[in-house]
Amino acid sequence: MSTSQEASATPLTMFPGTGGVRLTVSRVGLGGLLRVELPLLALLSIFFLVTLLVSPGQELRLWGINLPSLIFCPFYVLTGIPCLTCGITRSFLAMGDGNLSAALVFHPLGPLSYFLVVAFFVVLAFSAAARIRIRVDIDPGLRRRLVAAGGAILVAAWLVKLVVWHQVGLLGWWS
């Protein structure tokens, strides 16, 4: 970042007593937008287009083409047990289809993840339109606690998913 951009940075500190999160807003030129924000917006736009065009059953909606059912998860291929993130792609596709109940069956954290990606897209679009960069710095101690909490939530969601998948017949091996 150039010195003129650093000078225009306006730091806002959230949760000041904990030293946990620091939010910095700074002006960014077109070159900065082309390096970070605009490529991310393009990728997210493609992501949303895919969720609108492909159903969770992997059928391309525009032409009615059935895509082959490929399993990319080596853990599932080796064990027959879905991994922590198995089903998240189908959950995203179900959300693009507007089917919240199917999204929850595919992965309990899928709808929340989808809405977080939508929120990120909106913030990114706003920052690109306003030509500002929003930087969030998290204290290493708080970051470790957030990662641990996220990991615990992911494991809990995985256990819920195993039970739900068994109940709806997606796990044939567990009787």
C-alpha atoms as a PDB file:
ATOM      1  CA  MET A   1       0.000   0.000   0.000  1.00  0.00           C
ATOM      2  CA  SER A   2       1.386   3.445  -0.831  1.00  0.00           C
ATOM      3  CA  THR A   3       1.975   6.089   1.830  1.00  0.00           C
ATOM      4  CA  SER A   4      -0.893   8.220   0.519  1.00  0.00           C
ATOM      5  CA  GLN A   5      -3.243   5.259   0.931  1.00  0.00           C
ATOM      6  CA  GLU A   6      -1.895   4.514   4.418  1.00  0.00           C
ATOM      7  CA  ALA A   7      -2.468   8.132   5.409  1.00  0.00           C
ATOM      8  CA  SER A   8      -6.095   7.900   4.381  1.00  0.00           C
ATOM      9  CA  ALA A   9      -6.673   4.742   6.424  1.00  0.00           C
ATOM     10  CA  THR A  10      -9.182   5.276   9.210  1.00  0.00           C
ATOM     11  CA  PRO A  11      -8.756   2.668  11.934  1.00  0.00           C
ATOM     12  CA  LEU A  12     -11.867   1.733  13.878  1.00  0.00           C
ATOM     13  CA  THR A  13     -11.308  -0.519  16.865  1.00  0.00           C
ATOM     14  CA  MET A  14     -14.103  -2.838  17.898  1.00  0.00           C
ATOM     15  CA  PHE A  15     -14.124  -4.468  21.346  1.00  0.00           C
ATOM     16  CA  PRO A  16     -11.349  -2.143  22.616  1.00  0.00           C
ATOM     17  CA  GLY A  17     -11.090  -3.675  26.098  1.00  0.00           C
ATOM     18  CA  THR A  18     -10.231  -7.113  24.743  1.00  0.00           C
ATOM     19  CA  GLY A  19      -7.759  -6.020  22.077  1.00  0.00           C
ATOM     20  CA  GLY A  20      -9.567  -8.530  19.897  1.00  0.00           C
ATOM     21  CA  VAL A  21     -10.711  -7.014  16.608  1.00  0.00           C
ATOM     22  CA  ARG A  22      -9.446  -4.016  14.676  1.00  0.00           C
ATOM     23  CA  LEU A  23     -11.315  -2.796  11.624  1.00  0.00           C
ATOM     24  CA  THR A  24      -9.448  -0.553   9.173  1.00  0.00           C
ATOM     25  CA  VAL A  25     -11.125   1.250   6.288  1.00  0.00           C
ATOM     26  CA  SER A  26      -8.934   2.831   3.611  1.00  0.00           C
ATOM     27  CA  ARG A  27      -9.318   4.306   0.140  1.00  0.00           C
ATOM     28  CA  VAL A  28      -8.152   2.126  -2.720  1.00  0.00           C
ATOM     29  CA  GLY A  29      -7.442   2.991  -6.334  1.00  0.00           C
ATOM     30  CA  LEU A  30      -8.535   1.152  -9.445  1.00  0.00           C
ATOM     31  CA  GLY A  31      -5.302  -0.883  -9.462  1.00  0.00           C
ATOM     32  CA  GLY A  32      -6.047  -2.174  -5.971  1.00  0.00           C
ATOM     33  CA  LEU A  33      -9.604  -3.037  -6.974  1.00  0.00           C
ATOM     34  CA  LEU A  34      -8.318  -4.960 -10.004  1.00  0.00           C
ATOM     35  CA  ARG A  35      -5.942  -7.003  -7.808  1.00  0.00           C
ATOM     36  CA  VAL A  36      -8.284  -7.969  -4.962  1.00  0.00           C
ATOM     37  CA  GLU A  37     -11.944  -6.924  -4.938  1.00  0.00           C
ATOM     38  CA  LEU A  38     -12.929  -7.325  -8.590  1.00  0.00           C
ATOM     39  CA  PRO A  39     -11.435 -10.832  -9.047  1.00  0.00           C
ATOM     40  CA  LEU A  40     -13.176 -11.946  -5.842  1.00  0.00           C
ATOM     41  CA  LEU A  41     -16.452 -10.475  -7.079  1.00  0.00           C
ATOM     42  CA  ALA A  42     -16.031 -12.303 -10.408  1.00  0.00           C
ATOM     43  CA  LEU A  43     -15.391 -15.631  -8.624  1.00  0.00           C
ATOM     44  CA  LEU A  44     -18.369 -15.160  -6.318  1.00  0.00           C
ATOM     45  CA  SER A  45     -20.566 -14.232  -9.291  1.00  0.00           C
ATOM     46  CA  ILE A  46     -19.576 -17.482 -11.014  1.00  0.00           C
ATOM     47  CA  PHE A  47     -20.257 -19.337  -7.767  1.00  0.00           C
ATOM     48  CA  PHE A  48     -23.785 -17.882  -7.535  1.00  0.00           C
ATOM     49  CA  LEU A  49     -24.423 -18.589 -11.217  1.00  0.00           C
ATOM     50  CA  VAL A  50     -23.475 -22.244 -10.680  1.00  0.00           C
ATOM     51  CA  THR A  51     -25.804 -22.512  -7.660  1.00  0.00           C
ATOM     52  CA  LEU A  52     -28.626 -21.170  -9.812  1.00  0.00           C
ATOM     53  CA  LEU A  53     -27.935 -23.399 -12.841  1.00  0.00           C
ATOM     54  CA  VAL A  54     -27.114 -26.738 -11.179  1.00  0.00           C
ATOM     55  CA  SER A  55     -29.551 -28.599  -8.960  1.00  0.00           C
ATOM     56  CA  PRO A  56     -28.368 -30.664  -5.968  1.00  0.00           C
ATOM     57  CA  GLY A  57     -29.030 -33.793  -8.034  1.00  0.00           C
ATOM     58  CA  GLN A  58     -26.364 -32.442 -10.420  1.00  0.00           C
ATOM     59  CA  GLU A  59     -28.708 -31.636 -13.270  1.00  0.00           C
ATOM     60  CA  LEU A  60     -27.839 -28.595 -15.344  1.00  0.00           C
ATOM     61  CA  ARG A  61     -31.101 -26.614 -15.383  1.00  0.00           C
ATOM     62  CA  LEU A  62     -30.732 -24.795 -18.697  1.00  0.00           C
ATOM     63  CA  TRP A  63     -30.480 -27.831 -20.937  1.00  0.00           C
ATOM     64  CA  GLY A  64     -31.631 -30.690 -18.671  1.00  0.00           C
ATOM     65  CA  ILE A  65     -28.224 -32.371 -18.865  1.00  0.00           C
ATOM     66  CA  ASN A  66     -27.449 -34.835 -16.081  1.00  0.00           C
ATOM     67  CA  LEU A  67     -23.887 -34.439 -14.894  1.00  0.00           C
ATOM     68  CA  PRO A  68     -22.126 -37.613 -13.753  1.00  0.00           C
ATOM     69  CA  SER A  69     -22.238 -38.205 -10.024  1.00  0.00           C
ATOM     70  CA  LEU A  70     -18.604 -37.904  -9.036  1.00  0.00           C
ATOM     71  CA  ILE A  71     -17.424 -38.317  -5.454  1.00  0.00           C
ATOM     72  CA  PHE A  72     -14.414 -36.111  -4.795  1.00  0.00           C
ATOM     73  CA  CYS A  73     -14.020 -36.930  -1.095  1.00  0.00           C
ATOM     74  CA  PRO A  74     -11.167 -39.410  -0.499  1.00  0.00           C
ATOM     75  CA  PHE A  75     -12.305 -39.942   3.118  1.00  0.00           C
ATOM     76  CA  TYR A  76     -15.771 -41.009   1.929  1.00  0.00           C
ATOM     77  CA  VAL A  77     -14.344 -43.216  -0.831  1.00  0.00           C
ATOM     78  CA  LEU A  78     -12.031 -44.996   1.639  1.00  0.00           C
ATOM     79  CA  THR A  79     -14.377 -45.322   4.645  1.00  0.00           C
ATOM     80  CA  GLY A  80     -17.939 -44.963   3.357  1.00  0.00           C
ATOM     81  CA  ILE A  81     -18.438 -42.328   6.061  1.00  0.00           C
ATOM     82  CA  PRO A  82     -18.992 -38.726   4.961  1.00  0.00           C
ATOM     83  CA  CYS A  83     -16.288 -36.305   6.105  1.00  0.00           C
ATOM     84  CA  LEU A  84     -16.911 -33.100   8.049  1.00  0.00           C
ATOM     85  CA  THR A  85     -17.701 -31.122   4.904  1.00  0.00           C
ATOM     86  CA  CYS A  86     -19.409 -33.783   2.774  1.00  0.00           C
ATOM     87  CA  GLY A  87     -22.704 -32.405   1.527  1.00  0.00           C
ATOM     88  CA  ILE A  88     -21.762 -28.731   1.720  1.00  0.00           C
ATOM     89  CA  THR A  89     -21.670 -28.357  -2.074  1.00  0.00           C
ATOM     90  CA  ARG A  90     -25.097 -29.970  -2.470  1.00  0.00           C
ATOM     91  CA  SER A  91     -26.344 -27.794   0.403  1.00  0.00           C
ATOM     92  CA  PHE A  92     -25.159 -24.681  -1.458  1.00  0.00           C
ATOM     93  CA  LEU A  93     -26.829 -25.919  -4.650  1.00  0.00           C
ATOM     94  CA  ALA A  94     -30.074 -26.521  -2.734  1.00  0.00           C
ATOM     95  CA  MET A  95     -29.874 -22.976  -1.350  1.00  0.00           C
ATOM     96  CA  GLY A  96     -29.450 -21.670  -4.901  1.00  0.00           C
ATOM     97  CA  ASP A  97     -32.579 -23.653  -5.713  1.00  0.00           C
ATOM     98  CA  GLY A  98     -34.374 -22.041  -2.743  1.00  0.00           C
ATOM     99  CA  ASN A  99     -34.815 -25.381  -0.960  1.00  0.00           C
ATOM    100  CA  LEU A 100     -33.846 -24.716   2.671  1.00  0.00           C
ATOM    101  CA  SER A 101     -35.012 -28.092   4.018  1.00  0.00           C
ATOM    102  CA  ALA A 102     -32.921 -30.028   1.474  1.00  0.00           C
ATOM    103  CA  ALA A 103     -29.964 -27.744   2.198  1.00  0.00           C
ATOM    104  CA  LEU A 104     -30.217 -28.570   5.908  1.00  0.00           C
ATOM    105  CA  VAL A 105     -30.351 -32.304   5.169  1.00  0.00           C
ATOM    106  CA  PHE A 106     -27.258 -32.139   2.941  1.00  0.00           C
ATOM    107  CA  HIS A 107     -25.273 -30.226   5.587  1.00  0.00           C
ATOM    108  CA  PRO A 108     -26.558 -28.489   8.737  1.00  0.00           C
ATOM    109  CA  LEU A 109     -24.111 -25.593   8.292  1.00  0.00           C
ATOM    110  CA  GLY A 110     -24.759 -25.184   4.558  1.00  0.00           C
ATOM    111  CA  PRO A 111     -27.463 -22.501   4.753  1.00  0.00           C
ATOM    112  CA  LEU A 112     -25.492 -20.460   7.306  1.00  0.00           C
ATOM    113  CA  SER A 113     -22.366 -20.737   5.153  1.00  0.00           C
ATOM    114  CA  TYR A 114     -24.367 -19.726   2.084  1.00  0.00           C
ATOM    115  CA  PHE A 115     -25.737 -16.621   3.822  1.00  0.00           C
ATOM    116  CA  LEU A 116     -22.231 -15.709   5.025  1.00  0.00           C
ATOM    117  CA  VAL A 117     -20.970 -15.928   1.429  1.00  0.00           C
ATOM    118  CA  VAL A 118     -23.905 -13.747   0.303  1.00  0.00           C
ATOM    119  CA  ALA A 119     -23.052 -11.205   3.024  1.00  0.00           C
ATOM    120  CA  PHE A 120     -19.385 -11.256   1.974  1.00  0.00           C
ATOM    121  CA  PHE A 121     -20.451 -10.648  -1.640  1.00  0.00           C
ATOM    122  CA  VAL A 122     -22.599  -7.651  -0.611  1.00  0.00           C
ATOM    123  CA  VAL A 123     -19.816  -6.118   1.527  1.00  0.00           C
ATOM    124  CA  LEU A 124     -17.287  -6.716  -1.250  1.00  0.00           C
ATOM    125  CA  ALA A 125     -19.571  -5.140  -3.867  1.00  0.00           C
ATOM    126  CA  PHE A 126     -20.145  -2.132  -1.595  1.00  0.00           C
ATOM    127  CA  SER A 127     -16.428  -1.714  -0.927  1.00  0.00           C
ATOM    128  CA  ALA A 128     -15.637  -1.946  -4.658  1.00  0.00           C
ATOM    129  CA  ALA A 129     -18.353   0.574  -5.545  1.00  0.00           C
ATOM    130  CA  ALA A 130     -17.170   2.966  -2.814  1.00  0.00           C
ATOM    131  CA  ARG A 131     -13.491   2.307  -3.657  1.00  0.00           C
ATOM    132  CA  ILE A 132     -12.632   1.416  -0.099  1.00  0.00           C
ATOM    133  CA  ARG A 133     -10.841  -1.576   1.389  1.00  0.00           C
ATOM    134  CA  ILE A 134     -12.061  -3.016   4.666  1.00  0.00           C
ATOM    135  CA  ARG A 135      -9.421  -4.896   6.626  1.00  0.00           C
ATOM    136  CA  VAL A 136     -10.182  -6.896   9.750  1.00  0.00           C
ATOM    137  CA  ASP A 137      -7.300  -7.769  12.073  1.00  0.00           C
ATOM    138  CA  ILE A 138      -8.031 -10.297  14.806  1.00  0.00           C
ATOM    139  CA  ASP A 139      -5.841 -10.746  17.870  1.00  0.00           C
ATOM    140  CA  PRO A 140      -4.005 -14.129  17.683  1.00  0.00           C
ATOM    141  CA  GLY A 141      -5.501 -15.294  20.999  1.00  0.00           C
ATOM    142  CA  LEU A 142      -9.036 -14.485  19.866  1.00  0.00           C
ATOM    143  CA  ARG A 143      -8.304 -16.056  16.473  1.00  0.00           C
ATOM    144  CA  ARG A 144      -7.286 -19.334  18.177  1.00  0.00           C
ATOM    145  CA  ARG A 145     -10.471 -19.317  20.266  1.00  0.00           C
ATOM    146  CA  LEU A 146     -12.612 -18.629  17.190  1.00  0.00           C
ATOM    147  CA  VAL A 147     -10.922 -21.455  15.247  1.00  0.00           C
ATOM    148  CA  ALA A 148     -11.438 -23.852  18.172  1.00  0.00           C
ATOM    149  CA  ALA A 149     -15.108 -22.859  18.484  1.00  0.00           C
ATOM    150  CA  GLY A 150     -15.585 -23.204  14.719  1.00  0.00           C
ATOM    151  CA  GLY A 151     -13.975 -26.640  14.793  1.00  0.00           C
ATOM    152  CA  ALA A 152     -16.258 -27.739  17.642  1.00  0.00           C
ATOM    153  CA  ILE A 153     -19.307 -26.473  15.745  1.00  0.00           C
ATOM    154  CA  LEU A 154     -18.164 -28.303  12.602  1.00  0.00           C
ATOM    155  CA  VAL A 155     -17.732 -31.594  14.511  1.00  0.00           C
ATOM    156  CA  ALA A 156     -21.151 -31.162  16.169  1.00  0.00           C
ATOM    157  CA  ALA A 157     -22.729 -30.489  12.758  1.00  0.00           C
ATOM    158  CA  TRP A 158     -20.973 -33.584  11.387  1.00  0.00           C
ATOM    159  CA  LEU A 159     -22.473 -35.749  14.138  1.00  0.00           C
ATOM    160  CA  VAL A 160     -25.926 -34.274  13.489  1.00  0.00           C
ATOM    161  CA  LYS A 161     -25.421 -34.897   9.766  1.00  0.00           C
ATOM    162  CA  LEU A 162     -24.531 -38.562  10.368  1.00  0.00           C
ATOM    163  CA  VAL A 163     -27.739 -39.079  12.348  1.00  0.00           C
ATOM    164  CA  VAL A 164     -29.908 -37.201   9.825  1.00  0.00           C
ATOM    165  CA  TRP A 165     -28.329 -38.948   6.836  1.00  0.00           C
ATOM    166  CA  HIS A 166     -28.970 -42.289   8.513  1.00  0.00           C
ATOM    167  CA  GLN A 167     -32.626 -41.365   9.120  1.00  0.00           C
ATOM    168  CA  VAL A 168     -33.238 -40.283   5.513  1.00  0.00           C
ATOM    169  CA  GLY A 169     -31.400 -43.287   4.054  1.00  0.00           C
ATOM    170  CA  LEU A 170     -28.271 -41.607   2.732  1.00  0.00           C
ATOM    171  CA  LEU A 171     -26.047 -43.861   4.886  1.00  0.00           C
ATOM    172  CA  GLY A 172     -26.617 -47.420   3.781  1.00  0.00           C
ATOM    173  CA  TRP A 173     -23.751 -48.829   5.849  1.00  0.00           C
ATOM    174  CA  TRP A 174     -25.125 -47.773   9.269  1.00  0.00           C
ATOM    175  CA  SER A 175     -27.966 -50.007  10.403  1.00  0.00           C
END
